[in-house]
Amino acid sequence: MPRKFLRLVWRNATRSRTRLAATVGGCAVGAFIVCFFLAADGSLSRMLDSAGADQNLIVTQKDRF
């Protein structure tokens, strides 16, 4: 059963190479964006921890909220 299913999936995936390339490319871009933001968040957290998070001042624009 799984072997038949995998063969069917492979045939459908390779039927349209443009669609396959677009799907793989979209997944790769999405994975890159998620990894980028997770890495940026981790780096910012480490930087704030090393700089002393209790000494940070957050400034916002007047009447913004």
PDB file of N, CA and C in Angstrom:
ATOM      1  N   MET A   1       0.812  -1.206   0.000  1.00  0.00           N
ATOM      2  CA  MET A   1       0.000   0.000   0.000  1.00  0.00           C
ATOM      3  C   MET A   1       0.851   1.264   0.000  1.00  0.00           C
ATOM      4  N   PRO A   2       1.808   1.439   0.930  1.00  0.00           N
ATOM      5  CA  PRO A   2       2.597   2.674   0.902  1.00  0.00           C
ATOM      6  C   PRO A   2       3.416   2.820  -0.380  1.00  0.00           C
ATOM      7  N   ARG A   3       3.861   1.697  -0.923  1.00  0.00           N
ATOM      8  CA  ARG A   3       4.671   1.772  -2.142  1.00  0.00           C
ATOM      9  C   ARG A   3       3.834   2.294  -3.309  1.00  0.00           C
ATOM     10  N   LYS A   4       2.589   1.834  -3.428  1.00  0.00           N
ATOM     11  CA  LYS A   4       1.698   2.335  -4.477  1.00  0.00           C
ATOM     12  C   LYS A   4       1.433   3.821  -4.283  1.00  0.00           C
ATOM     13  N   PHE A   5       1.219   4.197  -3.030  1.00  0.00           N
ATOM     14  CA  PHE A   5       0.926   5.599  -2.735  1.00  0.00           C
ATOM     15  C   PHE A   5       2.115   6.489  -3.084  1.00  0.00           C
ATOM     16  N   LEU A   6       3.316   6.055  -2.732  1.00  0.00           N
ATOM     17  CA  LEU A   6       4.500   6.852  -3.039  1.00  0.00           C
ATOM     18  C   LEU A   6       4.720   6.966  -4.541  1.00  0.00           C
ATOM     19  N   ARG A   7       4.436   5.898  -5.269  1.00  0.00           N
ATOM     20  CA  ARG A   7       4.578   5.943  -6.727  1.00  0.00           C
ATOM     21  C   ARG A   7       3.576   6.932  -7.317  1.00  0.00           C
ATOM     22  N   LEU A   8       2.356   6.942  -6.803  1.00  0.00           N
ATOM     23  CA  LEU A   8       1.339   7.877  -7.268  1.00  0.00           C
ATOM     24  C   LEU A   8       1.735   9.320  -6.953  1.00  0.00           C
ATOM     25  N   VAL A   9       2.239   9.548  -5.752  1.00  0.00           N
ATOM     26  CA  VAL A   9       2.688  10.892  -5.377  1.00  0.00           C
ATOM     27  C   VAL A   9       3.824  11.344  -6.279  1.00  0.00           C
ATOM     28  N   TRP A  10       4.766  10.474  -6.543  1.00  0.00           N
ATOM     29  CA  TRP A  10       5.917  10.828  -7.392  1.00  0.00           C
ATOM     30  C   TRP A  10       5.457  11.158  -8.818  1.00  0.00           C
ATOM     31  N   ARG A  11       4.546  10.365  -9.372  1.00  0.00           N
ATOM     32  CA  ARG A  11       4.060  10.632 -10.735  1.00  0.00           C
ATOM     33  C   ARG A  11       3.331  11.962 -10.802  1.00  0.00           C
ATOM     34  N   ASN A  12       2.490  12.245  -9.821  1.00  0.00           N
ATOM     35  CA  ASN A  12       1.764  13.517  -9.824  1.00  0.00           C
ATOM     36  C   ASN A  12       2.696  14.702  -9.619  1.00  0.00           C
ATOM     37  N   ALA A  13       3.735  14.526  -8.804  1.00  0.00           N
ATOM     38  CA  ALA A  13       4.664  15.633  -8.548  1.00  0.00           C
ATOM     39  C   ALA A  13       5.509  15.945  -9.771  1.00  0.00           C
ATOM     40  N   THR A  14       5.891  14.929 -10.514  1.00  0.00           N
ATOM     41  CA  THR A  14       6.758  15.161 -11.673  1.00  0.00           C
ATOM     42  C   THR A  14       5.968  15.424 -12.950  1.00  0.00           C
ATOM     43  N   ARG A  15       4.655  15.387 -12.890  1.00  0.00           N
ATOM     44  CA  ARG A  15       3.848  15.628 -14.087  1.00  0.00           C
ATOM     45  C   ARG A  15       4.023  17.061 -14.575  1.00  0.00           C
ATOM     46  N   SER A  16       4.013  17.998 -13.673  1.00  0.00           N
ATOM     47  CA  SER A  16       4.180  19.404 -14.030  1.00  0.00           C
ATOM     48  C   SER A  16       5.423  19.929 -13.313  1.00  0.00           C
ATOM     49  N   ARG A  17       6.495  20.034 -14.048  1.00  0.00           N
ATOM     50  CA  ARG A  17       7.767  20.461 -13.442  1.00  0.00           C
ATOM     51  C   ARG A  17       7.721  21.914 -12.975  1.00  0.00           C
ATOM     52  N   THR A  18       6.964  22.741 -13.661  1.00  0.00           N
ATOM     53  CA  THR A  18       6.848  24.143 -13.249  1.00  0.00           C
ATOM     54  C   THR A  18       6.142  24.254 -11.903  1.00  0.00           C
ATOM     55  N   ARG A  19       5.070  23.496 -11.746  1.00  0.00           N
ATOM     56  CA  ARG A  19       4.341  23.506 -10.478  1.00  0.00           C
ATOM     57  C   ARG A  19       5.208  22.951  -9.356  1.00  0.00           C
ATOM     58  N   LEU A  20       5.976  21.908  -9.650  1.00  0.00           N
ATOM     59  CA  LEU A  20       6.879  21.328  -8.655  1.00  0.00           C
ATOM     60  C   LEU A  20       7.942  22.339  -8.237  1.00  0.00           C
ATOM     61  N   ALA A  21       8.527  23.025  -9.219  1.00  0.00           N
ATOM     62  CA  ALA A  21       9.550  24.027  -8.902  1.00  0.00           C
ATOM     63  C   ALA A  21       8.966  25.178  -8.090  1.00  0.00           C
ATOM     64  N   ALA A  22       7.756  25.604  -8.422  1.00  0.00           N
ATOM     65  CA  ALA A  22       7.125  26.687  -7.676  1.00  0.00           C
ATOM     66  C   ALA A  22       6.808  26.255  -6.243  1.00  0.00           C
ATOM     67  N   THR A  23       6.364  25.031  -6.064  1.00  0.00           N
ATOM     68  CA  THR A  23       6.056  24.525  -4.730  1.00  0.00           C
ATOM     69  C   THR A  23       7.309  24.405  -3.883  1.00  0.00           C
ATOM     70  N   VAL A  24       8.352  23.813  -4.447  1.00  0.00           N
ATOM     71  CA  VAL A  24       9.615  23.655  -3.710  1.00  0.00           C
ATOM     72  C   VAL A  24      10.224  25.017  -3.412  1.00  0.00           C
ATOM     73  N   GLY A  25      10.178  25.926  -4.380  1.00  0.00           N
ATOM     74  CA  GLY A  25      10.709  27.269  -4.162  1.00  0.00           C
ATOM     75  C   GLY A  25       9.944  28.029  -3.092  1.00  0.00           C
ATOM     76  N   GLY A  26       8.628  27.909  -3.110  1.00  0.00           N
ATOM     77  CA  GLY A  26       7.816  28.578  -2.093  1.00  0.00           C
ATOM     78  C   GLY A  26       8.087  28.036  -0.704  1.00  0.00           C
ATOM     79  N   CYS A  27       8.234  26.724  -0.601  1.00  0.00           N
ATOM     80  CA  CYS A  27       8.565  26.121   0.703  1.00  0.00           C
ATOM     81  C   CYS A  27       9.943  26.577   1.176  1.00  0.00           C
ATOM     82  N   ALA A  28      10.894  26.665   0.258  1.00  0.00           N
ATOM     83  CA  ALA A  28      12.240  27.099   0.626  1.00  0.00           C
ATOM     84  C   ALA A  28      12.241  28.560   1.092  1.00  0.00           C
ATOM     85  N   VAL A  29      11.518  29.414   0.400  1.00  0.00           N
ATOM     86  CA  VAL A  29      11.439  30.824   0.803  1.00  0.00           C
ATOM     87  C   VAL A  29      10.767  30.950   2.167  1.00  0.00           C
ATOM     88  N   GLY A  30       9.694  30.208   2.371  1.00  0.00           N
ATOM     89  CA  GLY A  30       9.005  30.246   3.667  1.00  0.00           C
ATOM     90  C   GLY A  30       9.893  29.764   4.801  1.00  0.00           C
ATOM     91  N   ALA A  31      10.623  28.679   4.559  1.00  0.00           N
ATOM     92  CA  ALA A  31      11.537  28.165   5.590  1.00  0.00           C
ATOM     93  C   ALA A  31      12.646  29.169   5.878  1.00  0.00           C
ATOM     94  N   PHE A  32      13.164  29.821   4.837  1.00  0.00           N
ATOM     95  CA  PHE A  32      14.208  30.822   5.035  1.00  0.00           C
ATOM     96  C   PHE A  32      13.696  31.994   5.868  1.00  0.00           C
ATOM     97  N   ILE A  33      12.487  32.454   5.589  1.00  0.00           N
ATOM     98  CA  ILE A  33      11.930  33.593   6.326  1.00  0.00           C
ATOM     99  C   ILE A  33      11.731  33.234   7.797  1.00  0.00           C
ATOM    100  N   VAL A  34      11.193  32.051   8.060  1.00  0.00           N
ATOM    101  CA  VAL A  34      10.993  31.626   9.444  1.00  0.00           C
ATOM    102  C   VAL A  34      12.327  31.516  10.171  1.00  0.00           C
ATOM    103  N   CYS A  35      13.312  30.887   9.538  1.00  0.00           N
ATOM    104  CA  CYS A  35      14.641  30.750  10.164  1.00  0.00           C
ATOM    105  C   CYS A  35      15.290  32.106  10.393  1.00  0.00           C
ATOM    106  N   PHE A  36      15.134  33.028   9.450  1.00  0.00           N
ATOM    107  CA  PHE A  36      15.723  34.357   9.586  1.00  0.00           C
ATOM    108  C   PHE A  36      15.157  35.089  10.795  1.00  0.00           C
ATOM    109  N   PHE A  37      13.829  35.080  10.934  1.00  0.00           N
ATOM    110  CA  PHE A  37      13.226  35.804  12.045  1.00  0.00           C
ATOM    111  C   PHE A  37      13.490  35.135  13.386  1.00  0.00           C
ATOM    112  N   LEU A  38      13.552  33.820  13.417  1.00  0.00           N
ATOM    113  CA  LEU A  38      13.900  33.142  14.667  1.00  0.00           C
ATOM    114  C   LEU A  38      15.340  33.449  15.073  1.00  0.00           C
ATOM    115  N   ALA A  39      16.243  33.474  14.095  1.00  0.00           N
ATOM    116  CA  ALA A  39      17.631  33.800  14.393  1.00  0.00           C
ATOM    117  C   ALA A  39      17.773  35.259  14.839  1.00  0.00           C
ATOM    118  N   ALA A  40      17.041  36.163  14.199  1.00  0.00           N
ATOM    119  CA  ALA A  40      17.096  37.572  14.590  1.00  0.00           C
ATOM    120  C   ALA A  40      16.553  37.769  15.996  1.00  0.00           C
ATOM    121  N   ASP A  41      15.478  37.073  16.323  1.00  0.00           N
ATOM    122  CA  ASP A  41      14.902  37.169  17.665  1.00  0.00           C
ATOM    123  C   ASP A  41      15.888  36.644  18.710  1.00  0.00           C
ATOM    124  N   GLY A  42      16.509  35.518  18.432  1.00  0.00           N
ATOM    125  CA  GLY A  42      17.493  34.966  19.366  1.00  0.00           C
ATOM    126  C   GLY A  42      18.698  35.872  19.545  1.00  0.00           C
ATOM    127  N   SER A  43      19.169  36.447  18.443  1.00  0.00           N
ATOM    128  CA  SER A  43      20.321  37.347  18.526  1.00  0.00           C
ATOM    129  C   SER A  43      19.986  38.605  19.317  1.00  0.00           C
ATOM    130  N   LEU A  44      18.805  39.148  19.076  1.00  0.00           N
ATOM    131  CA  LEU A  44      18.398  40.350  19.801  1.00  0.00           C
ATOM    132  C   LEU A  44      18.233  40.053  21.289  1.00  0.00           C
ATOM    133  N   SER A  45      17.674  38.901  21.614  1.00  0.00           N
ATOM    134  CA  SER A  45      17.519  38.539  23.024  1.00  0.00           C
ATOM    135  C   SER A  45      18.873  38.380  23.699  1.00  0.00           C
ATOM    136  N   ARG A  46      19.816  37.712  23.029  1.00  0.00           N
ATOM    137  CA  ARG A  46      21.168  37.552  23.598  1.00  0.00           C
ATOM    138  C   ARG A  46      21.860  38.897  23.750  1.00  0.00           C
ATOM    139  N   MET A  47      21.680  39.785  22.782  1.00  0.00           N
ATOM    140  CA  MET A  47      22.320  41.088  22.847  1.00  0.00           C
ATOM    141  C   MET A  47      21.751  41.915  24.006  1.00  0.00           C
ATOM    142  N   LEU A  48      20.436  41.867  24.194  1.00  0.00           N
ATOM    143  CA  LEU A  48      19.828  42.606  25.287  1.00  0.00           C
ATOM    144  C   LEU A  48      20.208  42.022  26.639  1.00  0.00           C
ATOM    145  N   ASP A  49      20.319  40.694  26.729  1.00  0.00           N
ATOM    146  CA  ASP A  49      20.734  40.065  27.979  1.00  0.00           C
ATOM    147  C   ASP A  49      22.160  40.437  28.346  1.00  0.00           C
ATOM    148  N   SER A  50      23.033  40.478  27.352  1.00  0.00           N
ATOM    149  CA  SER A  50      24.428  40.808  27.644  1.00  0.00           C
ATOM    150  C   SER A  50      24.610  42.293  27.956  1.00  0.00           C
ATOM    151  N   ALA A  51      23.724  43.139  27.420  1.00  0.00           N
ATOM    152  CA  ALA A  51      23.842  44.574  27.652  1.00  0.00           C
ATOM    153  C   ALA A  51      23.177  44.996  28.956  1.00  0.00           C
ATOM    154  N   GLY A  52      22.444  44.106  29.573  1.00  0.00           N
ATOM    155  CA  GLY A  52      21.748  44.459  30.812  1.00  0.00           C
ATOM    156  C   GLY A  52      20.348  44.923  30.515  1.00  0.00           C
ATOM    157  N   ALA A  53      19.426  44.008  30.437  1.00  0.00           N
ATOM    158  CA  ALA A  53      18.059  44.328  30.033  1.00  0.00           C
ATOM    159  C   ALA A  53      17.360  45.258  31.021  1.00  0.00           C
ATOM    160  N   ASP A  54      17.799  45.285  32.281  1.00  0.00           N
ATOM    161  CA  ASP A  54      17.139  46.144  33.252  1.00  0.00           C
ATOM    162  C   ASP A  54      17.522  47.605  33.084  1.00  0.00           C
ATOM    163  N   GLN A  55      18.488  47.899  32.238  1.00  0.00           N
ATOM    164  CA  GLN A  55      18.935  49.274  32.042  1.00  0.00           C
ATOM    165  C   GLN A  55      18.467  49.852  30.721  1.00  0.00           C
ATOM    166  N   ASN A  56      17.557  49.188  30.028  1.00  0.00           N
ATOM    167  CA  ASN A  56      17.082  49.656  28.730  1.00  0.00           C
ATOM    168  C   ASN A  56      15.927  50.627  28.908  1.00  0.00           C
ATOM    169  N   LEU A  57      15.880  51.636  28.063  1.00  0.00           N
ATOM    170  CA  LEU A  57      14.821  52.624  28.062  1.00  0.00           C
ATOM    171  C   LEU A  57      14.088  52.520  26.731  1.00  0.00           C
ATOM    172  N   ILE A  58      12.771  52.340  26.774  1.00  0.00           N
ATOM    173  CA  ILE A  58      11.972  52.235  25.558  1.00  0.00           C
ATOM    174  C   ILE A  58      11.273  53.561  25.343  1.00  0.00           C
ATOM    175  N   VAL A  59      11.499  54.170  24.189  1.00  0.00           N
ATOM    176  CA  VAL A  59      10.939  55.477  23.868  1.00  0.00           C
ATOM    177  C   VAL A  59       9.940  55.302  22.745  1.00  0.00           C
ATOM    178  N   THR A  60       8.750  55.888  22.910  1.00  0.00           N
ATOM    179  CA  THR A  60       7.730  55.826  21.862  1.00  0.00           C
ATOM    180  C   THR A  60       7.303  57.236  21.495  1.00  0.00           C
ATOM    181  N   GLN A  61       6.607  57.341  20.383  1.00  0.00           N
ATOM    182  CA  GLN A  61       6.139  58.611  19.904  1.00  0.00           C
ATOM    183  C   GLN A  61       4.926  59.062  20.740  1.00  0.00           C
ATOM    184  N   LYS A  62       4.819  60.360  21.011  1.00  0.00           N
ATOM    185  CA  LYS A  62       3.725  60.898  21.822  1.00  0.00           C
ATOM    186  C   LYS A  62       2.394  60.693  21.113  1.00  0.00           C
ATOM    187  N   ASP A  63       1.379  60.295  21.863  1.00  0.00           N
ATOM    188  CA  ASP A  63       0.006  60.091  21.373  1.00  0.00           C
ATOM    189  C   ASP A  63      -0.086  59.031  20.288  1.00  0.00           C
ATOM    190  N   ARG A  64       0.822  58.121  20.288  1.00  0.00           N
ATOM    191  CA  ARG A  64       0.751  57.065  19.276  1.00  0.00           C
ATOM    192  C   ARG A  64      -0.206  55.973  19.700  1.00  0.00           C
ATOM    193  N   PHE A  65      -0.308  55.692  20.989  1.00  0.00           N
ATOM    194  CA  PHE A  65      -1.163  54.603  21.445  1.00  0.00           C
ATOM    195  C   PHE A  65      -2.387  55.154  22.096  1.00  0.00           C
TER     196      PHE A  65
END
